[in-house]
């Protein structure tokens, strides 16, 4: 499994939480059973207040799997999937540079 930080952004006028059906669907998509069916683990999620930006910390087999999972979010905005490491891994390799 690989660690990723995912950022989803959408314009205020396309906020999925404004639509009760879309908001409910996205919450169900983020539910543990759904995430597990996609072969992923979400360690944390948060929406930045007043910024229409969602962050997820996700373990998954590869970037493509995370991208497929994030498709419902891509319908209303952008999705950026960033390879990441735990603090312990960074200290263990002696720096933030993943090639070390």
C-alpha atoms as a PDB file:
ATOM      1  CA  UNK A   1       0.000   0.000   0.000  1.00  0.00           C
ATOM      2  CA  UNK A   2       1.094   3.548  -0.723  1.00  0.00           C
ATOM      3  CA  UNK A   3       0.175   6.718   1.121  1.00  0.00           C
ATOM      4  CA  UNK A   4      -1.447   9.674  -0.670  1.00  0.00           C
ATOM      5  CA  UNK A   5      -2.791  13.084   0.248  1.00  0.00           C
ATOM      6  CA  UNK A   6      -5.785  13.959  -1.905  1.00  0.00           C
ATOM      7  CA  UNK A   7      -7.060  17.475  -2.452  1.00  0.00           C
ATOM      8  CA  UNK A   8     -10.474  18.092  -3.983  1.00  0.00           C
ATOM      9  CA  UNK A   9     -11.570  21.648  -4.789  1.00  0.00           C
ATOM     10  CA  UNK A  10     -14.782  22.929  -6.297  1.00  0.00           C
ATOM     11  CA  UNK A  11     -16.242  26.370  -6.957  1.00  0.00           C
ATOM     12  CA  UNK A  12     -18.731  27.672  -4.384  1.00  0.00           C
ATOM     13  CA  UNK A  13     -21.561  27.562  -6.913  1.00  0.00           C
ATOM     14  CA  UNK A  14     -20.921  23.842  -7.547  1.00  0.00           C
ATOM     15  CA  UNK A  15     -20.620  22.833  -3.883  1.00  0.00           C
ATOM     16  CA  UNK A  16     -22.042  19.290  -3.686  1.00  0.00           C
ATOM     17  CA  UNK A  17     -23.251  19.900  -0.120  1.00  0.00           C
ATOM     18  CA  UNK A  18     -25.825  22.359  -1.501  1.00  0.00           C
ATOM     19  CA  UNK A  19     -27.628  19.392  -3.091  1.00  0.00           C
ATOM     20  CA  UNK A  20     -28.920  16.983  -0.405  1.00  0.00           C
ATOM     21  CA  UNK A  21     -28.872  14.018  -2.813  1.00  0.00           C
ATOM     22  CA  UNK A  22     -25.306  14.678  -3.992  1.00  0.00           C
ATOM     23  CA  UNK A  23     -24.099  15.337  -0.458  1.00  0.00           C
ATOM     24  CA  UNK A  24     -25.658  12.105   0.778  1.00  0.00           C
ATOM     25  CA  UNK A  25     -24.179  10.139  -2.124  1.00  0.00           C
ATOM     26  CA  UNK A  26     -20.700  11.491  -1.430  1.00  0.00           C
ATOM     27  CA  UNK A  27     -20.981  10.684   2.286  1.00  0.00           C
ATOM     28  CA  UNK A  28     -21.982   7.122   1.405  1.00  0.00           C
ATOM     29  CA  UNK A  29     -19.044   6.947  -1.014  1.00  0.00           C
ATOM     30  CA  UNK A  30     -16.690   7.977   1.822  1.00  0.00           C
ATOM     31  CA  UNK A  31     -18.178   5.422   4.252  1.00  0.00           C
ATOM     32  CA  UNK A  32     -15.736   2.725   5.435  1.00  0.00           C
ATOM     33  CA  UNK A  33     -17.530  -0.128   3.620  1.00  0.00           C
ATOM     34  CA  UNK A  34     -17.408   1.731   0.303  1.00  0.00           C
ATOM     35  CA  UNK A  35     -13.772   2.727   0.774  1.00  0.00           C
ATOM     36  CA  UNK A  36     -12.853  -0.877   1.600  1.00  0.00           C
ATOM     37  CA  UNK A  37     -14.623  -2.152  -1.557  1.00  0.00           C
ATOM     38  CA  UNK A  38     -12.299   0.113  -3.532  1.00  0.00           C
ATOM     39  CA  UNK A  39      -9.268  -1.410  -1.780  1.00  0.00           C
ATOM     40  CA  UNK A  40      -8.437   1.790   0.068  1.00  0.00           C
ATOM     41  CA  UNK A  41      -8.158   3.039   3.641  1.00  0.00           C
ATOM     42  CA  UNK A  42      -8.943   6.633   4.579  1.00  0.00           C
ATOM     43  CA  UNK A  43      -6.957   7.722   7.629  1.00  0.00           C
ATOM     44  CA  UNK A  44      -8.417  11.198   7.830  1.00  0.00           C
ATOM     45  CA  UNK A  45     -10.598  13.686   6.041  1.00  0.00           C
ATOM     46  CA  UNK A  46     -11.404  17.338   6.508  1.00  0.00           C
ATOM     47  CA  UNK A  47     -13.076  20.156   4.613  1.00  0.00           C
ATOM     48  CA  UNK A  48     -11.447  23.559   4.998  1.00  0.00           C
ATOM     49  CA  UNK A  49     -14.158  25.973   6.142  1.00  0.00           C
ATOM     50  CA  UNK A  50     -15.171  28.584   3.573  1.00  0.00           C
ATOM     51  CA  UNK A  51     -12.638  27.209   1.053  1.00  0.00           C
ATOM     52  CA  UNK A  52     -14.619  24.460  -0.747  1.00  0.00           C
ATOM     53  CA  UNK A  53     -11.592  22.203  -0.354  1.00  0.00           C
ATOM     54  CA  UNK A  54     -11.515  18.608   0.920  1.00  0.00           C
ATOM     55  CA  UNK A  55      -8.368  16.805   2.034  1.00  0.00           C
ATOM     56  CA  UNK A  56      -8.054  13.039   2.467  1.00  0.00           C
ATOM     57  CA  UNK A  57      -5.161  10.924   3.729  1.00  0.00           C
ATOM     58  CA  UNK A  58      -5.487   7.642   1.859  1.00  0.00           C
ATOM     59  CA  UNK A  59      -3.665   4.312   1.700  1.00  0.00           C
ATOM     60  CA  UNK A  60      -4.101   2.522  -1.601  1.00  0.00           C
ATOM     61  CA  UNK A  61      -2.380   0.125  -3.952  1.00  0.00           C
ATOM     62  CA  UNK A  62      -1.561   2.880  -6.465  1.00  0.00           C
ATOM     63  CA  UNK A  63      -2.441   6.370  -7.651  1.00  0.00           C
ATOM     64  CA  UNK A  64      -4.824   5.029 -10.305  1.00  0.00           C
ATOM     65  CA  UNK A  65      -6.955   3.242  -7.689  1.00  0.00           C
ATOM     66  CA  UNK A  66      -7.262   6.444  -5.691  1.00  0.00           C
ATOM     67  CA  UNK A  67      -8.124   8.339  -8.868  1.00  0.00           C
ATOM     68  CA  UNK A  68     -10.926   5.913  -9.721  1.00  0.00           C
ATOM     69  CA  UNK A  69     -12.316   6.276  -6.201  1.00  0.00           C
ATOM     70  CA  UNK A  70     -12.262  10.074  -6.495  1.00  0.00           C
ATOM     71  CA  UNK A  71     -14.233  10.182  -9.779  1.00  0.00           C
ATOM     72  CA  UNK A  72     -17.487  11.357  -8.124  1.00  0.00           C
ATOM     73  CA  UNK A  73     -15.595  14.354  -6.736  1.00  0.00           C
ATOM     74  CA  UNK A  74     -13.947  15.080 -10.079  1.00  0.00           C
ATOM     75  CA  UNK A  75     -17.431  15.614 -11.528  1.00  0.00           C
ATOM     76  CA  UNK A  76     -17.817  18.840  -9.528  1.00  0.00           C
ATOM     77  CA  UNK A  77     -14.235  20.086  -9.301  1.00  0.00           C
ATOM     78  CA  UNK A  78     -10.577  19.213  -9.381  1.00  0.00           C
ATOM     79  CA  UNK A  79      -8.810  16.288  -7.725  1.00  0.00           C
ATOM     80  CA  UNK A  80      -5.081  16.270  -7.010  1.00  0.00           C
ATOM     81  CA  UNK A  81      -3.478  13.052  -5.747  1.00  0.00           C
ATOM     82  CA  UNK A  82      -0.074  13.547  -4.122  1.00  0.00           C
ATOM     83  CA  UNK A  83       2.295  10.711  -3.133  1.00  0.00           C
ATOM     84  CA  UNK A  84       3.073  11.067   0.574  1.00  0.00           C
ATOM     85  CA  UNK A  85       4.989   9.522   3.464  1.00  0.00           C
ATOM     86  CA  UNK A  86       4.450   9.290   7.185  1.00  0.00           C
ATOM     87  CA  UNK A  87       6.632  11.442   9.442  1.00  0.00           C
ATOM     88  CA  UNK A  88       8.284   8.271  10.706  1.00  0.00           C
ATOM     89  CA  UNK A  89       9.249   7.242   7.153  1.00  0.00           C
ATOM     90  CA  UNK A  90      10.648  10.718   6.404  1.00  0.00           C
ATOM     91  CA  UNK A  91      12.801  10.756   9.534  1.00  0.00           C
ATOM     92  CA  UNK A  92      13.878   7.160   8.866  1.00  0.00           C
ATOM     93  CA  UNK A  93      15.171   8.036   5.401  1.00  0.00           C
ATOM     94  CA  UNK A  94      16.718  11.295   6.611  1.00  0.00           C
ATOM     95  CA  UNK A  95      14.574  13.843   4.788  1.00  0.00           C
ATOM     96  CA  UNK A  96      11.468  14.705   2.803  1.00  0.00           C
ATOM     97  CA  UNK A  97      13.056  13.739  -0.537  1.00  0.00           C
ATOM     98  CA  UNK A  98      11.441  10.362  -1.387  1.00  0.00           C
ATOM     99  CA  UNK A  99      14.448   9.372  -3.510  1.00  0.00           C
ATOM    100  CA  UNK A 100      16.728   9.246  -0.460  1.00  0.00           C
END
